[in-house]
């Protein structure tokens, strides 16, 4: 079940997945539609038997300034300094099968090929150990603490350096 590019036709199913998976982090359908419109190459879907079981939404952004949850970007910054992983979400039945690792590596290749030296994300729902296994480490950015609290308890900014050695 390879990841494939997300399409506009996937957006209704993406919203259902987001509403099912992220009960504590709801986002409006406009958020997903805008991300797909602004940066389609960063939006992926995972399908099984014609049914979406996962998605990934990513885009270039400014390191240390993650977008607020449930907010529109308006534009992708021309001077982006990180490749930001907004969300990688899988239904419970799709977890533990390597799909998230596969998405992470695909996103890292895309980021590197696009000229970025790092990936960043906000880890939520006790996901730091998983992201750590993919090469991410917690990053401390002064003044970011209050914003991270809006992502829920234990949220942490994480970064993965995309050094030549990663290739």
C-alpha atoms as a PDB file:
ATOM      1  CA  UNK A   1       0.000   0.000   0.000  1.00  0.00           C
ATOM      2  CA  UNK A   2       2.189   2.849  -1.137  1.00  0.00           C
ATOM      3  CA  UNK A   3       1.554   6.460  -0.264  1.00  0.00           C
ATOM      4  CA  UNK A   4       0.261   8.468  -3.201  1.00  0.00           C
ATOM      5  CA  UNK A   5      -0.326  12.149  -3.894  1.00  0.00           C
ATOM      6  CA  UNK A   6      -3.463  13.481  -2.207  1.00  0.00           C
ATOM      7  CA  UNK A   7      -6.172  14.819  -4.511  1.00  0.00           C
ATOM      8  CA  UNK A   8      -9.059  17.236  -4.039  1.00  0.00           C
ATOM      9  CA  UNK A   9     -11.341  14.198  -4.174  1.00  0.00           C
ATOM     10  CA  UNK A  10      -9.627  12.865  -1.018  1.00  0.00           C
ATOM     11  CA  UNK A  11     -10.399  15.913   1.118  1.00  0.00           C
ATOM     12  CA  UNK A  12     -13.755  14.704   2.472  1.00  0.00           C
ATOM     13  CA  UNK A  13     -12.158  11.427   3.607  1.00  0.00           C
ATOM     14  CA  UNK A  14      -9.146  13.304   5.015  1.00  0.00           C
ATOM     15  CA  UNK A  15     -11.529  15.372   7.141  1.00  0.00           C
ATOM     16  CA  UNK A  16     -13.281  12.235   8.416  1.00  0.00           C
ATOM     17  CA  UNK A  17      -9.910  10.731   9.344  1.00  0.00           C
ATOM     18  CA  UNK A  18      -8.755  13.931  11.042  1.00  0.00           C
ATOM     19  CA  UNK A  19     -11.982  14.154  13.036  1.00  0.00           C
ATOM     20  CA  UNK A  20     -11.651  10.494  14.043  1.00  0.00           C
ATOM     21  CA  UNK A  21      -7.936  10.472  14.873  1.00  0.00           C
ATOM     22  CA  UNK A  22      -7.405  13.942  16.329  1.00  0.00           C
ATOM     23  CA  UNK A  23     -10.248  14.397  18.791  1.00  0.00           C
ATOM     24  CA  UNK A  24      -8.188  16.869  20.838  1.00  0.00           C
ATOM     25  CA  UNK A  25      -6.833  18.766  17.806  1.00  0.00           C
ATOM     26  CA  UNK A  26      -9.793  19.541  15.514  1.00  0.00           C
ATOM     27  CA  UNK A  27      -9.116  21.381  12.286  1.00  0.00           C
ATOM     28  CA  UNK A  28     -11.527  22.845   9.788  1.00  0.00           C
ATOM     29  CA  UNK A  29     -11.811  21.366   6.301  1.00  0.00           C
ATOM     30  CA  UNK A  30     -10.458  24.659   4.924  1.00  0.00           C
ATOM     31  CA  UNK A  31      -7.095  23.938   6.557  1.00  0.00           C
ATOM     32  CA  UNK A  32      -6.600  20.728   4.578  1.00  0.00           C
ATOM     33  CA  UNK A  33      -7.961  22.226   1.362  1.00  0.00           C
ATOM     34  CA  UNK A  34      -5.633  25.217   1.658  1.00  0.00           C
ATOM     35  CA  UNK A  35      -2.542  23.087   2.372  1.00  0.00           C
ATOM     36  CA  UNK A  36      -3.335  20.921  -0.668  1.00  0.00           C
ATOM     37  CA  UNK A  37      -3.851  24.002  -2.842  1.00  0.00           C
ATOM     38  CA  UNK A  38      -0.703  25.779  -1.622  1.00  0.00           C
ATOM     39  CA  UNK A  39       1.663  22.807  -1.602  1.00  0.00           C
ATOM     40  CA  UNK A  40       0.173  19.717  -3.275  1.00  0.00           C
ATOM     41  CA  UNK A  41       3.542  17.960  -3.459  1.00  0.00           C
ATOM     42  CA  UNK A  42       3.532  17.832   0.359  1.00  0.00           C
ATOM     43  CA  UNK A  43       0.144  16.145   0.725  1.00  0.00           C
ATOM     44  CA  UNK A  44      -0.070  12.356   0.655  1.00  0.00           C
ATOM     45  CA  UNK A  45      -2.822   9.783   1.038  1.00  0.00           C
ATOM     46  CA  UNK A  46      -2.682   6.138   2.078  1.00  0.00           C
ATOM     47  CA  UNK A  47      -5.452   4.003   0.642  1.00  0.00           C
ATOM     48  CA  UNK A  48      -6.533   0.437   1.256  1.00  0.00           C
ATOM     49  CA  UNK A  49      -9.192  -1.110  -0.929  1.00  0.00           C
ATOM     50  CA  UNK A  50     -10.501   2.282  -2.083  1.00  0.00           C
ATOM     51  CA  UNK A  51     -10.732   3.647   1.463  1.00  0.00           C
ATOM     52  CA  UNK A  52      -8.400   6.253   2.919  1.00  0.00           C
ATOM     53  CA  UNK A  53      -6.622   4.940   6.032  1.00  0.00           C
ATOM     54  CA  UNK A  54      -4.006   7.661   6.426  1.00  0.00           C
ATOM     55  CA  UNK A  55      -2.765  11.005   5.234  1.00  0.00           C
ATOM     56  CA  UNK A  56       0.225  13.311   5.509  1.00  0.00           C
ATOM     57  CA  UNK A  57       0.185  17.100   5.180  1.00  0.00           C
ATOM     58  CA  UNK A  58       3.524  18.942   4.937  1.00  0.00           C
ATOM     59  CA  UNK A  59       4.936  22.170   3.530  1.00  0.00           C
ATOM     60  CA  UNK A  60       7.868  24.596   3.671  1.00  0.00           C
ATOM     61  CA  UNK A  61       7.761  27.002   6.625  1.00  0.00           C
ATOM     62  CA  UNK A  62       9.837  29.019   9.106  1.00  0.00           C
ATOM     63  CA  UNK A  63      11.817  26.971  11.626  1.00  0.00           C
ATOM     64  CA  UNK A  64      10.772  27.565  15.226  1.00  0.00           C
ATOM     65  CA  UNK A  65       7.459  29.211  14.285  1.00  0.00           C
ATOM     66  CA  UNK A  66       4.992  26.366  13.713  1.00  0.00           C
ATOM     67  CA  UNK A  67       1.600  27.473  12.410  1.00  0.00           C
ATOM     68  CA  UNK A  68      -1.164  27.577  15.001  1.00  0.00           C
ATOM     69  CA  UNK A  69      -3.527  24.637  14.920  1.00  0.00           C
ATOM     70  CA  UNK A  70      -6.631  25.111  12.794  1.00  0.00           C
ATOM     71  CA  UNK A  71      -5.196  28.156  11.032  1.00  0.00           C
ATOM     72  CA  UNK A  72      -4.802  29.107   7.405  1.00  0.00           C
ATOM     73  CA  UNK A  73      -1.332  29.847   6.036  1.00  0.00           C
ATOM     74  CA  UNK A  74      -2.397  32.211   3.229  1.00  0.00           C
ATOM     75  CA  UNK A  75       0.893  31.497   1.402  1.00  0.00           C
ATOM     76  CA  UNK A  76       4.047  29.396   1.527  1.00  0.00           C
ATOM     77  CA  UNK A  77       6.927  31.699   2.509  1.00  0.00           C
ATOM     78  CA  UNK A  78       9.573  32.189  -0.175  1.00  0.00           C
ATOM     79  CA  UNK A  79      12.220  32.332   2.546  1.00  0.00           C
ATOM     80  CA  UNK A  80      11.169  29.098   4.297  1.00  0.00           C
ATOM     81  CA  UNK A  81      13.875  27.609   6.527  1.00  0.00           C
ATOM     82  CA  UNK A  82      12.365  24.202   7.293  1.00  0.00           C
ATOM     83  CA  UNK A  83      10.217  21.532   5.741  1.00  0.00           C
ATOM     84  CA  UNK A  84       7.331  21.373   8.219  1.00  0.00           C
ATOM     85  CA  UNK A  85       5.381  18.179   8.907  1.00  0.00           C
ATOM     86  CA  UNK A  86       1.916  19.447   9.820  1.00  0.00           C
ATOM     87  CA  UNK A  87       0.406  16.000  10.280  1.00  0.00           C
ATOM     88  CA  UNK A  88       0.932  12.326   9.576  1.00  0.00           C
ATOM     89  CA  UNK A  89      -2.193  10.467  10.667  1.00  0.00           C
ATOM     90  CA  UNK A  90      -3.146   6.808  10.417  1.00  0.00           C
ATOM     91  CA  UNK A  91      -6.239   4.928  11.485  1.00  0.00           C
ATOM     92  CA  UNK A  92      -5.487   2.381  14.247  1.00  0.00           C
ATOM     93  CA  UNK A  93      -5.779  -0.498  11.758  1.00  0.00           C
ATOM     94  CA  UNK A  94      -2.970   1.008   9.652  1.00  0.00           C
ATOM     95  CA  UNK A  95      -0.529   1.527  12.525  1.00  0.00           C
ATOM     96  CA  UNK A  96       2.425  -0.714  13.287  1.00  0.00           C
ATOM     97  CA  UNK A  97       2.865  -1.715   9.648  1.00  0.00           C
ATOM     98  CA  UNK A  98       5.627   0.696   8.691  1.00  0.00           C
ATOM     99  CA  UNK A  99       3.400   3.187   6.869  1.00  0.00           C
ATOM    100  CA  UNK A 100       4.394   6.170   9.020  1.00  0.00           C
ATOM    101  CA  UNK A 101       8.089   5.319   8.645  1.00  0.00           C
ATOM    102  CA  UNK A 102       7.591   5.027   4.886  1.00  0.00           C
ATOM    103  CA  UNK A 103       5.884   8.442   4.805  1.00  0.00           C
ATOM    104  CA  UNK A 104       8.627   9.965   6.959  1.00  0.00           C
ATOM    105  CA  UNK A 105      11.371   8.771   4.648  1.00  0.00           C
ATOM    106  CA  UNK A 106       9.489   9.889   1.555  1.00  0.00           C
ATOM    107  CA  UNK A 107       9.020  13.344   3.105  1.00  0.00           C
ATOM    108  CA  UNK A 108      12.702  13.527   4.092  1.00  0.00           C
ATOM    109  CA  UNK A 109      13.741  12.732   0.497  1.00  0.00           C
ATOM    110  CA  UNK A 110      11.376  15.382  -0.847  1.00  0.00           C
ATOM    111  CA  UNK A 111      12.645  17.972   1.648  1.00  0.00           C
ATOM    112  CA  UNK A 112      16.288  17.219   0.851  1.00  0.00           C
ATOM    113  CA  UNK A 113      15.625  17.249  -2.899  1.00  0.00           C
ATOM    114  CA  UNK A 114      13.855  20.613  -2.455  1.00  0.00           C
ATOM    115  CA  UNK A 115      16.943  22.092  -0.811  1.00  0.00           C
ATOM    116  CA  UNK A 116      15.929  21.989   2.859  1.00  0.00           C
ATOM    117  CA  UNK A 117      18.490  21.122   5.503  1.00  0.00           C
ATOM    118  CA  UNK A 118      15.911  20.004   8.056  1.00  0.00           C
ATOM    119  CA  UNK A 119      12.422  18.736   8.759  1.00  0.00           C
ATOM    120  CA  UNK A 120      10.475  20.019  11.758  1.00  0.00           C
ATOM    121  CA  UNK A 121       7.190  19.238  13.468  1.00  0.00           C
ATOM    122  CA  UNK A 122       5.295  19.563  16.706  1.00  0.00           C
ATOM    123  CA  UNK A 123       5.000  16.151  18.329  1.00  0.00           C
ATOM    124  CA  UNK A 124       1.664  15.654  20.094  1.00  0.00           C
ATOM    125  CA  UNK A 125      -0.133  12.792  21.819  1.00  0.00           C
ATOM    126  CA  UNK A 126       3.025  11.216  23.243  1.00  0.00           C
ATOM    127  CA  UNK A 127       4.512  10.744  19.763  1.00  0.00           C
ATOM    128  CA  UNK A 128       8.039  11.952  20.633  1.00  0.00           C
ATOM    129  CA  UNK A 129       9.476   8.400  20.890  1.00  0.00           C
ATOM    130  CA  UNK A 130       8.150   7.520  17.423  1.00  0.00           C
ATOM    131  CA  UNK A 131       9.602  10.663  15.823  1.00  0.00           C
ATOM    132  CA  UNK A 132      12.847  10.084  17.714  1.00  0.00           C
ATOM    133  CA  UNK A 133      13.197   6.715  15.983  1.00  0.00           C
ATOM    134  CA  UNK A 134      12.963   8.590  12.665  1.00  0.00           C
ATOM    135  CA  UNK A 135      15.903  10.807  13.576  1.00  0.00           C
ATOM    136  CA  UNK A 136      14.068  13.760  15.117  1.00  0.00           C
ATOM    137  CA  UNK A 137      15.250  15.400  18.333  1.00  0.00           C
ATOM    138  CA  UNK A 138      13.543  17.902  20.605  1.00  0.00           C
ATOM    139  CA  UNK A 139      14.475  21.480  19.710  1.00  0.00           C
ATOM    140  CA  UNK A 140      14.285  24.349  22.147  1.00  0.00           C
ATOM    141  CA  UNK A 141      13.275  27.731  20.769  1.00  0.00           C
ATOM    142  CA  UNK A 142      13.058  30.548  23.315  1.00  0.00           C
ATOM    143  CA  UNK A 143       9.585  32.066  23.512  1.00  0.00           C
ATOM    144  CA  UNK A 144       7.821  29.105  21.883  1.00  0.00           C
ATOM    145  CA  UNK A 145       6.590  27.521  25.126  1.00  0.00           C
ATOM    146  CA  UNK A 146       3.193  29.276  25.224  1.00  0.00           C
ATOM    147  CA  UNK A 147       2.411  28.382  21.615  1.00  0.00           C
ATOM    148  CA  UNK A 148       3.345  24.729  22.204  1.00  0.00           C
ATOM    149  CA  UNK A 149       0.837  24.599  25.067  1.00  0.00           C
ATOM    150  CA  UNK A 150      -1.932  25.236  22.508  1.00  0.00           C
ATOM    151  CA  UNK A 151      -1.021  21.878  20.941  1.00  0.00           C
ATOM    152  CA  UNK A 152      -1.765  20.074  24.201  1.00  0.00           C
ATOM    153  CA  UNK A 153       0.191  18.744  27.166  1.00  0.00           C
ATOM    154  CA  UNK A 154       3.650  17.443  26.364  1.00  0.00           C
ATOM    155  CA  UNK A 155       3.776  18.952  22.862  1.00  0.00           C
ATOM    156  CA  UNK A 156       7.335  19.493  21.678  1.00  0.00           C
ATOM    157  CA  UNK A 157       9.017  21.057  18.684  1.00  0.00           C
ATOM    158  CA  UNK A 158      11.226  18.447  17.041  1.00  0.00           C
ATOM    159  CA  UNK A 159      13.753  18.714  14.222  1.00  0.00           C
ATOM    160  CA  UNK A 160      15.551  16.243  11.958  1.00  0.00           C
ATOM    161  CA  UNK A 161      18.734  17.426  10.323  1.00  0.00           C
ATOM    162  CA  UNK A 162      19.026  16.284   6.716  1.00  0.00           C
ATOM    163  CA  UNK A 163      22.809  15.996   6.549  1.00  0.00           C
ATOM    164  CA  UNK A 164      24.618  14.502   3.584  1.00  0.00           C
ATOM    165  CA  UNK A 165      25.140  11.379   5.687  1.00  0.00           C
ATOM    166  CA  UNK A 166      21.370  10.744   5.644  1.00  0.00           C
ATOM    167  CA  UNK A 167      21.425  10.072   1.910  1.00  0.00           C
END
